[in-house]
Amino acid sequence: TRFLDDLGVERTSEWSMQTLYTIIDRRYREMRQTLVTSNLTLDEIAEKVGDRIASRIAGMCKVVEIKGKDRRLKN
């Protein structure tokens, strides 16, 4: 299993989008387990990194929404 952590927070460039697509597409085609974390919904991911990447993530992942307060923030 490989992890893509905090998808959607990276600075986007043509190179980074093509590299991300290549990684996701290969893992999708080879049916490899991939854990993706993000604070974004699939629709927001599509807006940020494109429909091709979002559709592959939707096709290869089970979406699990975890709700709660941000534990990184001090109270």
Protein backbone atom coordinates (compact mmCIF):
# COMPACT_ATOMS: atom_id res chain seq x y z
CA THR A 1 0.00 0.00 0.00
CA ARG A 2 1.24 3.49 -0.87
CA PHE A 3 0.03 6.76 0.59
CA LEU A 4 -0.76 10.11 -0.99
CA ASP A 5 -1.05 12.45 1.97
CA ASP A 6 -2.93 15.77 1.92
CA LEU A 7 -3.85 15.62 -1.75
CA GLY A 8 -4.79 19.05 -3.05
CA VAL A 9 -2.56 21.23 -0.88
CA GLU A 10 0.44 21.06 -3.20
CA ARG A 11 1.33 23.87 -5.54
CA THR A 12 0.12 22.87 -8.99
CA SER A 13 2.17 23.06 -12.14
CA GLU A 14 1.93 21.24 -15.44
CA TRP A 15 4.76 18.95 -14.33
CA SER A 16 3.24 18.14 -10.93
CA MET A 17 -0.20 17.44 -12.44
CA GLN A 18 1.26 15.14 -15.11
CA THR A 19 3.38 13.33 -12.51
CA LEU A 20 0.41 12.90 -10.16
CA TYR A 21 -1.74 11.61 -13.02
CA THR A 22 0.97 9.14 -14.06
CA ILE A 23 1.25 7.78 -10.51
CA ILE A 24 -2.52 7.52 -9.96
CA ASP A 25 -3.20 6.05 -13.41
CA ARG A 26 -0.52 3.38 -13.09
CA ARG A 27 -1.74 2.36 -9.64
CA TYR A 28 -5.33 2.32 -10.97
CA ARG A 29 -4.45 0.12 -13.96
CA GLU A 30 -2.35 -2.26 -11.85
CA MET A 31 -5.09 -2.41 -9.17
CA ARG A 32 -2.61 -1.47 -6.44
CA GLN A 33 -3.79 -0.42 -3.01
CA THR A 34 -3.47 3.31 -2.49
CA LEU A 35 -4.50 5.36 0.53
CA VAL A 36 -5.29 8.99 -0.27
CA THR A 37 -5.85 11.58 2.45
CA SER A 38 -7.24 15.04 1.82
CA ASN A 39 -9.28 17.74 3.48
CA LEU A 40 -11.09 18.12 0.15
CA THR A 41 -14.18 16.37 -1.22
CA LEU A 42 -13.93 14.52 -4.54
CA ASP A 43 -15.57 17.51 -6.24
CA GLU A 44 -12.99 19.86 -4.71
CA ILE A 45 -10.18 17.50 -5.74
CA ALA A 46 -11.55 17.58 -9.31
CA GLU A 47 -11.46 21.39 -9.24
CA LYS A 48 -7.93 21.44 -7.85
CA VAL A 49 -6.19 18.65 -9.77
CA GLY A 50 -8.61 17.83 -12.59
CA ASP A 51 -11.39 15.42 -13.47
CA ARG A 52 -9.07 12.68 -14.79
CA ILE A 53 -7.27 12.32 -11.47
CA ALA A 54 -10.46 12.63 -9.41
CA SER A 55 -12.29 10.00 -11.48
CA ARG A 56 -9.47 7.51 -11.06
CA ILE A 57 -9.39 8.13 -7.33
CA ALA A 58 -13.17 7.62 -7.19
CA GLY A 59 -12.80 4.39 -9.17
CA MET A 60 -10.03 2.91 -7.06
CA CYS A 61 -10.81 4.15 -3.55
CA LYS A 62 -13.53 3.82 -1.00
CA VAL A 63 -14.33 7.27 0.35
CA VAL A 64 -14.37 7.42 4.15
CA GLU A 65 -15.33 10.77 5.64
CA ILE A 66 -13.93 11.47 9.08
CA LYS A 67 -15.48 14.37 10.93
CA GLY A 68 -14.32 16.14 14.04
CA LYS A 69 -12.42 19.13 15.25
CA ASP A 70 -8.98 19.86 13.90
CA ARG A 71 -6.58 18.42 16.47
CA ARG A 72 -3.71 20.46 15.06
CA LEU A 73 -5.32 23.65 16.32
CA LYS A 74 -4.67 24.66 19.91
CA ASN A 75 -7.75 25.26 22.04
